[in-house]
Amino acid sequence: MQRVHAPRLAREQRVDEILQSAREVFCEKGFEAAAVAEIAARMGAVEGTVYKYFPTKRDLLLRVLEHWYEEMFGDYTRDLAGVHAHRERLRLLVWRHLRSLRDKPKLCRLMFREVQSERDYRGTVLHDLNRRYTQLLLDVIRAGVADGEFRGDIAPELLRSMVYGGIEHHGWNYVCGRGELDVDGVADQIITVLCEGITKPARAGHTKTGKKS
């Protein structure tokens, strides 16, 4: 049995404490107004302790968001394993993303405003995590196409952009503290549009032109 040295455990525990404190302060104050000194004080340490593990405040923000994505990715993968119908798997991913906006709006706002909009976002660990996160949706769509449940003439990448871009646009007011977000209702509507489109179904006995057959 491999022994784990105490210094390593102490370091991991300290990093976890810093990340938890930083997450709280960033959510309460926003990135610009958050002070590293306050993050340290909240965990009963001095400012230099934080800088010992994270060279800049931005590095700390990125790691906070990386940790959050890692949590979500694990939860989504586990939940998907229990659902087998393609449409229900698709709804689960849409519903979970909406719920992340509803339950963690301040973290979402940090991600959208402070990270995704910056030029240095691509190629980062966080960008890679985001790609893995959205890859789950691509995999579900492609599996549905392979089984003949979904049509195969629309690029899965376009559908991914429509889903996540649409959710983030629709939920932006809520993320900024305005209004409510109906997770179940919006998830159902998104899945209806994706799977059935917006064209009204033809009435029985009528052709597409509206004339009786």
N, C-alpha and C. Protein backbone atom coordinates (compact mmCIF):
# COMPACT_ATOMS: atom_id res chain seq x y z
N MET A 1 0.85 -1.20 0.00
CA MET A 1 0.00 0.00 0.00
C MET A 1 0.88 1.25 0.00
N GLN A 2 0.63 2.15 -0.96
CA GLN A 2 1.44 3.35 -1.06
C GLN A 2 1.08 4.36 0.02
N ARG A 3 2.09 4.88 0.67
CA ARG A 3 1.87 5.86 1.73
C ARG A 3 1.85 7.27 1.13
N VAL A 4 0.95 8.09 1.62
CA VAL A 4 0.86 9.48 1.18
C VAL A 4 1.51 10.34 2.24
N HIS A 5 2.48 11.11 1.82
CA HIS A 5 3.23 11.92 2.78
C HIS A 5 2.37 13.08 3.30
N ALA A 6 2.57 13.40 4.55
CA ALA A 6 1.80 14.46 5.20
C ALA A 6 1.93 15.81 4.51
N PRO A 7 3.13 16.23 4.04
CA PRO A 7 3.23 17.54 3.37
C PRO A 7 2.33 17.66 2.16
N ARG A 8 2.19 16.56 1.40
CA ARG A 8 1.32 16.59 0.23
C ARG A 8 -0.13 16.78 0.64
N LEU A 9 -0.56 16.06 1.67
CA LEU A 9 -1.93 16.22 2.17
C LEU A 9 -2.16 17.64 2.67
N ALA A 10 -1.18 18.19 3.36
CA ALA A 10 -1.31 19.54 3.89
C ALA A 10 -1.43 20.55 2.76
N ARG A 11 -0.67 20.36 1.68
CA ARG A 11 -0.73 21.27 0.54
C ARG A 11 -2.11 21.20 -0.13
N GLU A 12 -2.62 19.98 -0.36
CA GLU A 12 -3.92 19.82 -1.00
C GLU A 12 -5.02 20.44 -0.15
N GLN A 13 -4.91 20.26 1.16
CA GLN A 13 -5.91 20.84 2.06
C GLN A 13 -5.87 22.36 2.00
N ARG A 14 -4.67 22.91 1.96
CA ARG A 14 -4.51 24.37 1.92
C ARG A 14 -5.07 24.94 0.62
N VAL A 15 -4.79 24.27 -0.49
CA VAL A 15 -5.31 24.71 -1.78
C VAL A 15 -6.83 24.66 -1.78
N ASP A 16 -7.41 23.61 -1.23
CA ASP A 16 -8.86 23.50 -1.15
C ASP A 16 -9.45 24.64 -0.32
N GLU A 17 -8.79 24.99 0.77
CA GLU A 17 -9.26 26.09 1.62
C GLU A 17 -9.22 27.42 0.87
N ILE A 18 -8.14 27.63 0.13
CA ILE A 18 -8.02 28.86 -0.65
C ILE A 18 -9.10 28.94 -1.72
N LEU A 19 -9.32 27.83 -2.42
CA LEU A 19 -10.32 27.82 -3.49
C LEU A 19 -11.73 28.07 -2.95
N GLN A 20 -12.04 27.50 -1.80
CA GLN A 20 -13.36 27.70 -1.20
C GLN A 20 -13.54 29.16 -0.79
N SER A 21 -12.52 29.73 -0.17
CA SER A 21 -12.58 31.12 0.25
C SER A 21 -12.67 32.05 -0.96
N ALA A 22 -11.86 31.76 -1.98
CA ALA A 22 -11.86 32.59 -3.18
C ALA A 22 -13.21 32.52 -3.89
N ARG A 23 -13.79 31.35 -3.94
CA ARG A 23 -15.10 31.19 -4.59
C ARG A 23 -16.13 32.06 -3.91
N GLU A 24 -16.13 32.08 -2.59
CA GLU A 24 -17.08 32.90 -1.84
C GLU A 24 -16.88 34.39 -2.11
N VAL A 25 -15.63 34.83 -2.08
CA VAL A 25 -15.34 36.26 -2.25
C VAL A 25 -15.61 36.70 -3.68
N PHE A 26 -15.20 35.91 -4.65
CA PHE A 26 -15.45 36.26 -6.05
C PHE A 26 -16.95 36.36 -6.33
N CYS A 27 -17.73 35.44 -5.76
CA CYS A 27 -19.18 35.48 -5.97
C CYS A 27 -19.82 36.68 -5.28
N GLU A 28 -19.31 37.04 -4.13
CA GLU A 28 -19.88 38.17 -3.39
C GLU A 28 -19.48 39.51 -3.98
N LYS A 29 -18.21 39.64 -4.38
CA LYS A 29 -17.67 40.95 -4.77
C LYS A 29 -17.48 41.11 -6.27
N GLY A 30 -17.43 40.00 -7.02
CA GLY A 30 -17.02 40.09 -8.42
C GLY A 30 -15.50 40.04 -8.49
N PHE A 31 -14.97 39.82 -9.69
CA PHE A 31 -13.53 39.63 -9.82
C PHE A 31 -12.75 40.91 -9.51
N GLU A 32 -13.13 42.01 -10.09
CA GLU A 32 -12.36 43.25 -9.93
C GLU A 32 -12.33 43.72 -8.49
N ALA A 33 -13.46 43.65 -7.81
CA ALA A 33 -13.53 44.18 -6.43
C ALA A 33 -13.00 43.20 -5.40
N ALA A 34 -12.84 41.95 -5.77
CA ALA A 34 -12.33 40.96 -4.81
C ALA A 34 -10.86 41.22 -4.50
N ALA A 35 -10.51 41.20 -3.24
CA ALA A 35 -9.12 41.43 -2.81
C ALA A 35 -8.52 40.13 -2.31
N VAL A 36 -7.29 39.86 -2.74
CA VAL A 36 -6.61 38.65 -2.29
C VAL A 36 -6.45 38.67 -0.78
N ALA A 37 -6.24 39.85 -0.21
CA ALA A 37 -6.11 39.97 1.25
C ALA A 37 -7.38 39.49 1.95
N GLU A 38 -8.53 39.81 1.38
CA GLU A 38 -9.80 39.38 1.98
C GLU A 38 -9.98 37.87 1.84
N ILE A 39 -9.56 37.33 0.70
CA ILE A 39 -9.64 35.88 0.51
C ILE A 39 -8.81 35.17 1.56
N ALA A 40 -7.60 35.69 1.81
CA ALA A 40 -6.72 35.10 2.81
C ALA A 40 -7.30 35.25 4.21
N ALA A 41 -7.80 36.46 4.51
CA ALA A 41 -8.33 36.71 5.85
C ALA A 41 -9.51 35.82 6.18
N ARG A 42 -10.32 35.52 5.18
CA ARG A 42 -11.50 34.70 5.40
C ARG A 42 -11.13 33.27 5.83
N MET A 43 -9.94 32.84 5.46
CA MET A 43 -9.49 31.50 5.85
C MET A 43 -8.47 31.56 6.98
N GLY A 44 -8.34 32.76 7.58
CA GLY A 44 -7.44 32.91 8.72
C GLY A 44 -5.97 32.89 8.36
N ALA A 45 -5.63 33.43 7.18
CA ALA A 45 -4.24 33.43 6.73
C ALA A 45 -3.85 34.83 6.27
N VAL A 46 -2.60 34.98 5.88
CA VAL A 46 -2.13 36.26 5.36
C VAL A 46 -2.11 36.20 3.84
N GLU A 47 -2.04 37.37 3.21
CA GLU A 47 -2.11 37.45 1.76
C GLU A 47 -1.03 36.63 1.06
N GLY A 48 0.16 36.60 1.66
CA GLY A 48 1.27 35.87 1.06
C GLY A 48 1.01 34.38 0.94
N THR A 49 0.14 33.85 1.81
CA THR A 49 -0.19 32.43 1.75
C THR A 49 -0.88 32.08 0.43
N VAL A 50 -1.77 32.96 -0.01
CA VAL A 50 -2.47 32.73 -1.27
C VAL A 50 -1.48 32.78 -2.43
N TYR A 51 -0.60 33.77 -2.41
CA TYR A 51 0.36 33.93 -3.51
C TYR A 51 1.40 32.81 -3.53
N LYS A 52 1.53 32.11 -2.44
CA LYS A 52 2.44 30.96 -2.41
C LYS A 52 1.95 29.85 -3.34
N TYR A 53 0.63 29.76 -3.51
CA TYR A 53 0.04 28.70 -4.33
C TYR A 53 -0.48 29.22 -5.68
N PHE A 54 -0.84 30.49 -5.75
CA PHE A 54 -1.39 31.07 -6.97
C PHE A 54 -0.69 32.39 -7.26
N PRO A 55 0.05 32.49 -8.37
CA PRO A 55 0.87 33.68 -8.64
C PRO A 55 0.07 34.96 -8.84
N THR A 56 -1.16 34.86 -9.37
CA THR A 56 -1.97 36.06 -9.60
C THR A 56 -3.42 35.79 -9.20
N LYS A 57 -4.16 36.87 -9.06
CA LYS A 57 -5.59 36.74 -8.74
C LYS A 57 -6.34 36.07 -9.89
N ARG A 58 -5.93 36.34 -11.12
CA ARG A 58 -6.59 35.71 -12.26
C ARG A 58 -6.33 34.20 -12.29
N ASP A 59 -5.11 33.80 -11.96
CA ASP A 59 -4.82 32.37 -11.87
C ASP A 59 -5.75 31.70 -10.85
N LEU A 60 -6.00 32.39 -9.78
CA LEU A 60 -6.89 31.86 -8.74
C LEU A 60 -8.32 31.76 -9.25
N LEU A 61 -8.78 32.79 -9.97
CA LEU A 61 -10.13 32.74 -10.54
C LEU A 61 -10.27 31.56 -11.50
N LEU A 62 -9.29 31.37 -12.37
CA LEU A 62 -9.35 30.28 -13.33
C LEU A 62 -9.42 28.93 -12.63
N ARG A 63 -8.65 28.78 -11.55
CA ARG A 63 -8.66 27.50 -10.84
C ARG A 63 -9.99 27.28 -10.12
N VAL A 64 -10.60 28.34 -9.60
CA VAL A 64 -11.92 28.22 -8.98
C VAL A 64 -12.93 27.71 -10.01
N LEU A 65 -12.90 28.28 -11.20
CA LEU A 65 -13.84 27.88 -12.24
C LEU A 65 -13.52 26.49 -12.78
N GLU A 66 -12.24 26.15 -12.87
CA GLU A 66 -11.86 24.79 -13.28
C GLU A 66 -12.42 23.75 -12.31
N HIS A 67 -12.28 24.05 -11.03
CA HIS A 67 -12.78 23.14 -9.99
C HIS A 67 -14.29 22.96 -10.12
N TRP A 68 -14.99 24.04 -10.41
CA TRP A 68 -16.44 23.99 -10.59
C TRP A 68 -16.80 23.14 -11.80
N TYR A 69 -16.10 23.32 -12.91
CA TYR A 69 -16.37 22.53 -14.11
C TYR A 69 -16.09 21.05 -13.87
N GLU A 70 -15.05 20.75 -13.14
CA GLU A 70 -14.73 19.35 -12.84
C GLU A 70 -15.86 18.71 -12.05
N GLU A 71 -16.43 19.46 -11.11
CA GLU A 71 -17.57 18.96 -10.34
C GLU A 71 -18.75 18.68 -11.25
N MET A 72 -19.08 19.63 -12.12
CA MET A 72 -20.23 19.47 -13.01
C MET A 72 -20.03 18.32 -13.98
N PHE A 73 -18.83 18.21 -14.54
CA PHE A 73 -18.56 17.16 -15.52
C PHE A 73 -18.77 15.78 -14.90
N GLY A 74 -18.30 15.61 -13.67
CA GLY A 74 -18.49 14.33 -12.99
C GLY A 74 -19.95 14.03 -12.72
N ASP A 75 -20.71 15.06 -12.32
CA ASP A 75 -22.14 14.88 -12.04
C ASP A 75 -22.90 14.51 -13.31
N TYR A 76 -22.61 15.21 -14.41
CA TYR A 76 -23.32 14.98 -15.66
C TYR A 76 -23.06 13.57 -16.17
N THR A 77 -21.79 13.14 -16.14
CA THR A 77 -21.43 11.81 -16.63
C THR A 77 -22.15 10.73 -15.84
N ARG A 78 -22.21 10.89 -14.53
CA ARG A 78 -22.89 9.92 -13.68
C ARG A 78 -24.39 9.89 -13.97
N ASP A 79 -25.02 11.04 -14.10
CA ASP A 79 -26.45 11.10 -14.33
C ASP A 79 -26.83 10.53 -15.70
N LEU A 80 -26.01 10.79 -16.71
CA LEU A 80 -26.30 10.29 -18.05
C LEU A 80 -26.29 8.77 -18.11
N ALA A 81 -25.46 8.16 -17.27
CA ALA A 81 -25.33 6.71 -17.28
C ALA A 81 -26.65 6.02 -16.93
N GLY A 82 -27.54 6.73 -16.24
CA GLY A 82 -28.81 6.14 -15.84
C GLY A 82 -29.96 6.41 -16.79
N VAL A 83 -29.69 7.11 -17.91
CA VAL A 83 -30.73 7.45 -18.88
C VAL A 83 -30.34 6.88 -20.24
N HIS A 84 -31.27 6.23 -20.93
CA HIS A 84 -30.91 5.54 -22.16
C HIS A 84 -31.59 6.10 -23.40
N ALA A 85 -32.78 6.65 -23.28
CA ALA A 85 -33.47 7.22 -24.45
C ALA A 85 -32.75 8.49 -24.89
N HIS A 86 -32.50 8.63 -26.18
CA HIS A 86 -31.71 9.75 -26.67
C HIS A 86 -32.35 11.11 -26.36
N ARG A 87 -33.64 11.21 -26.57
CA ARG A 87 -34.32 12.48 -26.30
C ARG A 87 -34.24 12.83 -24.82
N GLU A 88 -34.39 11.86 -23.94
CA GLU A 88 -34.31 12.13 -22.51
C GLU A 88 -32.89 12.48 -22.08
N ARG A 89 -31.90 11.88 -22.72
CA ARG A 89 -30.50 12.23 -22.43
C ARG A 89 -30.22 13.67 -22.87
N LEU A 90 -30.78 14.04 -24.01
CA LEU A 90 -30.62 15.41 -24.50
C LEU A 90 -31.27 16.39 -23.55
N ARG A 91 -32.48 16.06 -23.09
CA ARG A 91 -33.17 16.96 -22.15
C ARG A 91 -32.40 17.08 -20.84
N LEU A 92 -31.83 15.97 -20.39
CA LEU A 92 -31.08 16.01 -19.14
C LEU A 92 -29.93 17.00 -19.22
N LEU A 93 -29.20 16.99 -20.33
CA LEU A 93 -28.07 17.91 -20.48
C LEU A 93 -28.54 19.37 -20.53
N VAL A 94 -29.62 19.61 -21.26
CA VAL A 94 -30.18 20.96 -21.33
C VAL A 94 -30.66 21.40 -19.95
N TRP A 95 -31.38 20.52 -19.28
CA TRP A 95 -31.92 20.83 -17.95
C TRP A 95 -30.80 21.09 -16.95
N ARG A 96 -29.75 20.28 -16.98
CA ARG A 96 -28.65 20.47 -16.04
C ARG A 96 -27.92 21.78 -16.28
N HIS A 97 -27.77 22.16 -17.54
CA HIS A 97 -27.09 23.42 -17.83
C HIS A 97 -27.94 24.60 -17.35
N LEU A 98 -29.23 24.53 -17.58
CA LEU A 98 -30.12 25.57 -17.08
C LEU A 98 -30.07 25.64 -15.55
N ARG A 99 -30.02 24.48 -14.92
CA ARG A 99 -29.98 24.46 -13.46
C ARG A 99 -28.68 25.06 -12.94
N SER A 100 -27.60 24.87 -13.67
CA SER A 100 -26.33 25.47 -13.23
C SER A 100 -26.42 26.99 -13.25
N LEU A 101 -27.14 27.54 -14.24
CA LEU A 101 -27.36 28.99 -14.28
C LEU A 101 -28.22 29.43 -13.11
N ARG A 102 -29.28 28.65 -12.85
CA ARG A 102 -30.20 29.02 -11.76
C ARG A 102 -29.53 28.92 -10.39
N ASP A 103 -28.77 27.84 -10.16
CA ASP A 103 -28.21 27.59 -8.84
C ASP A 103 -26.89 28.32 -8.58
N LYS A 104 -26.12 28.59 -9.65
CA LYS A 104 -24.82 29.23 -9.48
C LYS A 104 -24.68 30.42 -10.43
N PRO A 105 -25.61 31.37 -10.36
CA PRO A 105 -25.58 32.49 -11.32
C PRO A 105 -24.31 33.34 -11.23
N LYS A 106 -23.77 33.49 -10.04
CA LYS A 106 -22.59 34.35 -9.91
C LYS A 106 -21.35 33.69 -10.49
N LEU A 107 -21.24 32.37 -10.35
CA LEU A 107 -20.13 31.67 -10.99
C LEU A 107 -20.28 31.72 -12.51
N CYS A 108 -21.51 31.57 -13.00
CA CYS A 108 -21.76 31.66 -14.44
C CYS A 108 -21.39 33.05 -14.96
N ARG A 109 -21.74 34.05 -14.20
CA ARG A 109 -21.42 35.42 -14.63
C ARG A 109 -19.91 35.64 -14.69
N LEU A 110 -19.20 35.11 -13.73
CA LEU A 110 -17.74 35.20 -13.76
C LEU A 110 -17.18 34.50 -15.00
N MET A 111 -17.74 33.33 -15.32
CA MET A 111 -17.27 32.58 -16.47
C MET A 111 -17.54 33.34 -17.77
N PHE A 112 -18.75 33.84 -17.93
CA PHE A 112 -19.13 34.52 -19.17
C PHE A 112 -18.40 35.85 -19.33
N ARG A 113 -18.35 36.63 -18.25
CA ARG A 113 -17.85 38.00 -18.36
C ARG A 113 -16.34 38.11 -18.22
N GLU A 114 -15.75 37.32 -17.32
CA GLU A 114 -14.34 37.50 -17.01
C GLU A 114 -13.42 36.53 -17.77
N VAL A 115 -13.97 35.45 -18.30
CA VAL A 115 -13.10 34.43 -18.90
C VAL A 115 -13.40 34.20 -20.37
N GLN A 116 -14.63 33.81 -20.70
CA GLN A 116 -14.93 33.44 -22.08
C GLN A 116 -14.75 34.60 -23.05
N SER A 117 -14.91 35.81 -22.59
CA SER A 117 -14.80 36.97 -23.47
C SER A 117 -13.36 37.43 -23.67
N GLU A 118 -12.41 36.84 -22.94
CA GLU A 118 -11.01 37.28 -23.02
C GLU A 118 -10.25 36.54 -24.12
N ARG A 119 -9.25 37.20 -24.68
CA ARG A 119 -8.49 36.62 -25.79
C ARG A 119 -7.66 35.41 -25.38
N ASP A 120 -7.28 35.34 -24.12
CA ASP A 120 -6.41 34.24 -23.68
C ASP A 120 -7.19 33.00 -23.24
N TYR A 121 -8.50 32.99 -23.51
CA TYR A 121 -9.32 31.87 -23.05
C TYR A 121 -9.01 30.59 -23.81
N ARG A 122 -8.91 30.66 -25.13
CA ARG A 122 -8.66 29.47 -25.93
C ARG A 122 -7.30 28.86 -25.59
N GLY A 123 -7.28 27.55 -25.48
CA GLY A 123 -6.03 26.86 -25.17
C GLY A 123 -5.77 26.68 -23.70
N THR A 124 -6.63 27.24 -22.84
CA THR A 124 -6.45 27.10 -21.40
C THR A 124 -7.06 25.78 -20.92
N VAL A 125 -6.72 25.40 -19.70
CA VAL A 125 -7.32 24.21 -19.10
C VAL A 125 -8.84 24.38 -19.01
N LEU A 126 -9.27 25.57 -18.67
CA LEU A 126 -10.71 25.82 -18.54
C LEU A 126 -11.41 25.68 -19.89
N HIS A 127 -10.79 26.15 -20.94
CA HIS A 127 -11.36 26.00 -22.29
C HIS A 127 -11.49 24.52 -22.64
N ASP A 128 -10.48 23.74 -22.31
CA ASP A 128 -10.52 22.30 -22.57
C ASP A 128 -11.64 21.63 -21.77
N LEU A 129 -11.81 22.04 -20.52
CA LEU A 129 -12.90 21.48 -19.70
C LEU A 129 -14.26 21.83 -20.28
N ASN A 130 -14.39 23.06 -20.78
CA ASN A 130 -15.64 23.48 -21.38
C ASN A 130 -15.95 22.66 -22.64
N ARG A 131 -14.91 22.35 -23.42
CA ARG A 131 -15.11 21.54 -24.61
C ARG A 131 -15.53 20.11 -24.23
N ARG A 132 -14.93 19.57 -23.19
CA ARG A 132 -15.33 18.23 -22.73
C ARG A 132 -16.77 18.25 -22.22
N TYR A 133 -17.11 19.31 -21.54
CA TYR A 133 -18.46 19.48 -20.99
C TYR A 133 -19.50 19.49 -22.11
N THR A 134 -19.26 20.28 -23.17
CA THR A 134 -20.22 20.36 -24.26
C THR A 134 -20.12 19.16 -25.20
N GLN A 135 -19.01 18.43 -25.14
CA GLN A 135 -18.87 17.22 -25.94
C GLN A 135 -19.94 16.18 -25.58
N LEU A 136 -20.37 16.21 -24.34
CA LEU A 136 -21.42 15.28 -23.91
C LEU A 136 -22.67 15.44 -24.77
N LEU A 137 -23.02 16.68 -25.09
CA LEU A 137 -24.18 16.94 -25.94
C LEU A 137 -23.95 16.42 -27.36
N LEU A 138 -22.75 16.65 -27.89
CA LEU A 138 -22.42 16.15 -29.23
C LEU A 138 -22.55 14.63 -29.27
N ASP A 139 -22.06 13.97 -28.24
CA ASP A 139 -22.11 12.50 -28.20
C ASP A 139 -23.55 11.99 -28.20
N VAL A 140 -24.41 12.67 -27.44
CA VAL A 140 -25.82 12.26 -27.38
C VAL A 140 -26.48 12.45 -28.75
N ILE A 141 -26.23 13.57 -29.39
CA ILE A 141 -26.82 13.83 -30.71
C ILE A 141 -26.34 12.81 -31.73
N ARG A 142 -25.05 12.53 -31.74
CA ARG A 142 -24.50 11.58 -32.71
C ARG A 142 -25.02 10.17 -32.47
N ALA A 143 -25.21 9.81 -31.21
CA ALA A 143 -25.77 8.49 -30.92
C ALA A 143 -27.20 8.41 -31.41
N GLY A 144 -27.96 9.51 -31.25
CA GLY A 144 -29.33 9.53 -31.74
C GLY A 144 -29.41 9.45 -33.25
N VAL A 145 -28.46 10.10 -33.93
CA VAL A 145 -28.39 10.01 -35.39
C VAL A 145 -28.07 8.58 -35.82
N ALA A 146 -27.10 7.97 -35.15
CA ALA A 146 -26.69 6.60 -35.49
C ALA A 146 -27.83 5.61 -35.33
N ASP A 147 -28.71 5.86 -34.36
CA ASP A 147 -29.83 4.95 -34.11
C ASP A 147 -31.08 5.32 -34.91
N GLY A 148 -30.97 6.38 -35.72
CA GLY A 148 -32.09 6.77 -36.57
C GLY A 148 -33.16 7.59 -35.88
N GLU A 149 -32.91 8.03 -34.65
CA GLU A 149 -33.92 8.83 -33.93
C GLU A 149 -33.82 10.30 -34.30
N PHE A 150 -32.61 10.81 -34.54
CA PHE A 150 -32.40 12.20 -34.94
C PHE A 150 -31.97 12.25 -36.40
N ARG A 151 -32.33 13.32 -37.07
CA ARG A 151 -31.92 13.50 -38.46
C ARG A 151 -30.42 13.79 -38.52
N GLY A 152 -29.81 13.35 -39.61
CA GLY A 152 -28.36 13.45 -39.70
C GLY A 152 -27.85 14.52 -40.63
N ASP A 153 -28.73 15.40 -41.13
CA ASP A 153 -28.30 16.41 -42.10
C ASP A 153 -28.04 17.78 -41.46
N ILE A 154 -28.01 17.83 -40.14
CA ILE A 154 -27.69 19.08 -39.44
C ILE A 154 -26.45 18.84 -38.60
N ALA A 155 -25.47 19.73 -38.72
CA ALA A 155 -24.20 19.56 -38.01
C ALA A 155 -24.42 19.56 -36.50
N PRO A 156 -23.97 18.52 -35.80
CA PRO A 156 -24.10 18.49 -34.34
C PRO A 156 -23.46 19.71 -33.68
N GLU A 157 -22.36 20.21 -34.25
CA GLU A 157 -21.68 21.38 -33.67
C GLU A 157 -22.57 22.62 -33.72
N LEU A 158 -23.38 22.73 -34.79
CA LEU A 158 -24.31 23.85 -34.88
C LEU A 158 -25.39 23.73 -33.81
N LEU A 159 -25.89 22.53 -33.61
CA LEU A 159 -26.89 22.31 -32.56
C LEU A 159 -26.31 22.61 -31.18
N ARG A 160 -25.06 22.23 -30.97
CA ARG A 160 -24.40 22.54 -29.69
C ARG A 160 -24.36 24.04 -29.47
N SER A 161 -23.99 24.80 -30.50
CA SER A 161 -23.92 26.26 -30.37
C SER A 161 -25.30 26.85 -30.10
N MET A 162 -26.30 26.31 -30.77
CA MET A 162 -27.66 26.80 -30.57
C MET A 162 -28.14 26.55 -29.14
N VAL A 163 -27.83 25.37 -28.62
CA VAL A 163 -28.28 25.02 -27.27
C VAL A 163 -27.59 25.89 -26.23
N TYR A 164 -26.26 25.85 -26.21
CA TYR A 164 -25.55 26.56 -25.15
C TYR A 164 -25.58 28.07 -25.34
N GLY A 165 -25.46 28.52 -26.59
CA GLY A 165 -25.56 29.95 -26.84
C GLY A 165 -26.95 30.47 -26.52
N GLY A 166 -27.97 29.69 -26.89
CA GLY A 166 -29.35 30.10 -26.61
C GLY A 166 -29.65 30.15 -25.13
N ILE A 167 -29.19 29.16 -24.41
CA ILE A 167 -29.41 29.13 -22.96
C ILE A 167 -28.73 30.32 -22.28
N GLU A 168 -27.49 30.58 -22.66
CA GLU A 168 -26.76 31.67 -22.02
C GLU A 168 -27.38 33.03 -22.35
N HIS A 169 -27.85 33.18 -23.59
CA HIS A 169 -28.51 34.44 -23.97
C HIS A 169 -29.84 34.59 -23.21
N HIS A 170 -30.63 33.51 -23.20
CA HIS A 170 -31.93 33.56 -22.53
C HIS A 170 -31.78 33.78 -21.03
N GLY A 171 -30.75 33.18 -20.43
CA GLY A 171 -30.58 33.26 -18.99
C GLY A 171 -29.76 34.43 -18.48
N TRP A 172 -29.30 35.30 -19.40
CA TRP A 172 -28.39 36.37 -18.99
C TRP A 172 -29.02 37.33 -17.99
N ASN A 173 -30.28 37.71 -18.20
CA ASN A 173 -30.94 38.60 -17.25
C ASN A 173 -30.98 37.98 -15.86
N TYR A 174 -31.28 36.68 -15.79
CA TYR A 174 -31.31 36.01 -14.49
C TYR A 174 -29.92 35.99 -13.86
N VAL A 175 -28.91 35.69 -14.66
CA VAL A 175 -27.53 35.65 -14.16
C VAL A 175 -27.13 37.01 -13.59
N CYS A 176 -27.68 38.08 -14.17
CA CYS A 176 -27.38 39.43 -13.71
C CYS A 176 -28.31 39.89 -12.59
N GLY A 177 -29.16 38.98 -12.08
CA GLY A 177 -30.01 39.31 -10.94
C GLY A 177 -31.35 39.87 -11.30
N ARG A 178 -31.78 39.68 -12.55
CA ARG A 178 -33.08 40.21 -12.97
C ARG A 178 -34.00 39.08 -13.39
N GLY A 179 -35.18 39.01 -12.80
CA GLY A 179 -36.17 38.03 -13.20
C GLY A 179 -35.93 36.64 -12.65
N GLU A 180 -36.69 35.70 -13.20
CA GLU A 180 -36.64 34.31 -12.77
C GLU A 180 -36.21 33.42 -13.93
N LEU A 181 -35.90 32.17 -13.62
CA LEU A 181 -35.53 31.20 -14.65
C LEU A 181 -36.28 29.91 -14.40
N ASP A 182 -37.21 29.59 -15.29
CA ASP A 182 -38.03 28.38 -15.19
C ASP A 182 -37.26 27.23 -15.85
N VAL A 183 -36.50 26.50 -15.06
CA VAL A 183 -35.62 25.46 -15.59
C VAL A 183 -36.41 24.39 -16.33
N ASP A 184 -37.46 23.84 -15.71
CA ASP A 184 -38.23 22.77 -16.33
C ASP A 184 -38.94 23.24 -17.60
N GLY A 185 -39.58 24.41 -17.51
CA GLY A 185 -40.32 24.91 -18.65
C GLY A 185 -39.42 25.22 -19.83
N VAL A 186 -38.30 25.88 -19.58
CA VAL A 186 -37.38 26.23 -20.67
C VAL A 186 -36.75 24.98 -21.26
N ALA A 187 -36.38 24.02 -20.42
CA ALA A 187 -35.80 22.77 -20.92
C ALA A 187 -36.78 22.06 -21.85
N ASP A 188 -38.05 21.99 -21.46
CA ASP A 188 -39.05 21.33 -22.30
C ASP A 188 -39.20 22.05 -23.64
N GLN A 189 -39.21 23.38 -23.62
CA GLN A 189 -39.38 24.14 -24.86
C GLN A 189 -38.18 23.98 -25.79
N ILE A 190 -36.98 23.98 -25.22
CA ILE A 190 -35.79 23.81 -26.04
C ILE A 190 -35.79 22.44 -26.71
N ILE A 191 -36.13 21.41 -25.96
CA ILE A 191 -36.16 20.06 -26.53
C ILE A 191 -37.25 19.92 -27.58
N THR A 192 -38.39 20.57 -27.37
CA THR A 192 -39.46 20.54 -28.37
C THR A 192 -38.99 21.18 -29.67
N VAL A 193 -38.32 22.33 -29.57
CA VAL A 193 -37.82 22.99 -30.77
C VAL A 193 -36.76 22.15 -31.45
N LEU A 194 -35.83 21.57 -30.68
CA LEU A 194 -34.77 20.77 -31.27
C LEU A 194 -35.32 19.52 -31.96
N CYS A 195 -36.25 18.87 -31.32
CA CYS A 195 -36.71 17.57 -31.82
C CYS A 195 -37.90 17.66 -32.78
N GLU A 196 -38.67 18.73 -32.69
CA GLU A 196 -39.88 18.82 -33.50
C GLU A 196 -39.95 20.07 -34.37
N GLY A 197 -39.06 21.04 -34.14
CA GLY A 197 -39.07 22.25 -34.93
C GLY A 197 -40.14 23.23 -34.50
N ILE A 198 -40.28 24.33 -35.27
CA ILE A 198 -41.27 25.36 -34.91
C ILE A 198 -42.43 25.40 -35.91
N THR A 199 -42.40 24.54 -36.91
CA THR A 199 -43.52 24.48 -37.86
C THR A 199 -44.71 23.78 -37.22
N LYS A 200 -45.86 24.38 -37.34
CA LYS A 200 -47.06 23.77 -36.76
C LYS A 200 -47.36 22.45 -37.46
N PRO A 201 -47.69 21.41 -36.71
CA PRO A 201 -48.03 20.14 -37.35
C PRO A 201 -49.31 20.27 -38.18
N ALA A 202 -49.33 19.58 -39.31
CA ALA A 202 -50.52 19.65 -40.18
C ALA A 202 -51.73 19.04 -39.48
N ARG A 203 -52.87 19.68 -39.61
CA ARG A 203 -54.11 19.15 -39.04
C ARG A 203 -54.56 17.94 -39.82
N ALA A 204 -55.16 17.02 -39.11
CA ALA A 204 -55.65 15.80 -39.76
C ALA A 204 -56.58 16.15 -40.92
N GLY A 205 -56.35 15.53 -42.08
CA GLY A 205 -57.20 15.75 -43.23
C GLY A 205 -56.79 16.93 -44.08
N HIS A 206 -55.66 17.61 -43.71
CA HIS A 206 -55.18 18.77 -44.46
C HIS A 206 -53.78 18.50 -44.97
N THR A 207 -53.48 19.06 -46.13
CA THR A 207 -52.13 19.00 -46.66
C THR A 207 -51.32 20.15 -46.08
N LYS A 208 -50.05 20.24 -46.43
CA LYS A 208 -49.19 21.32 -45.93
C LYS A 208 -49.65 22.69 -46.42
N THR A 209 -50.39 22.74 -47.54
CA THR A 209 -50.87 24.03 -48.06
C THR A 209 -52.14 24.48 -47.35
N GLY A 210 -52.67 23.60 -46.49
CA GLY A 210 -53.88 23.97 -45.77
C GLY A 210 -55.15 23.49 -46.42
N LYS A 211 -55.02 22.86 -47.61
CA LYS A 211 -56.20 22.36 -48.30
C LYS A 211 -56.55 20.96 -47.84
N LYS A 212 -57.80 20.62 -47.87
CA LYS A 212 -58.22 19.27 -47.49
C LYS A 212 -57.72 18.27 -48.51
N SER A 213 -57.25 17.14 -47.97
CA SER A 213 -56.76 16.11 -48.88
C SER A 213 -57.90 15.20 -49.32
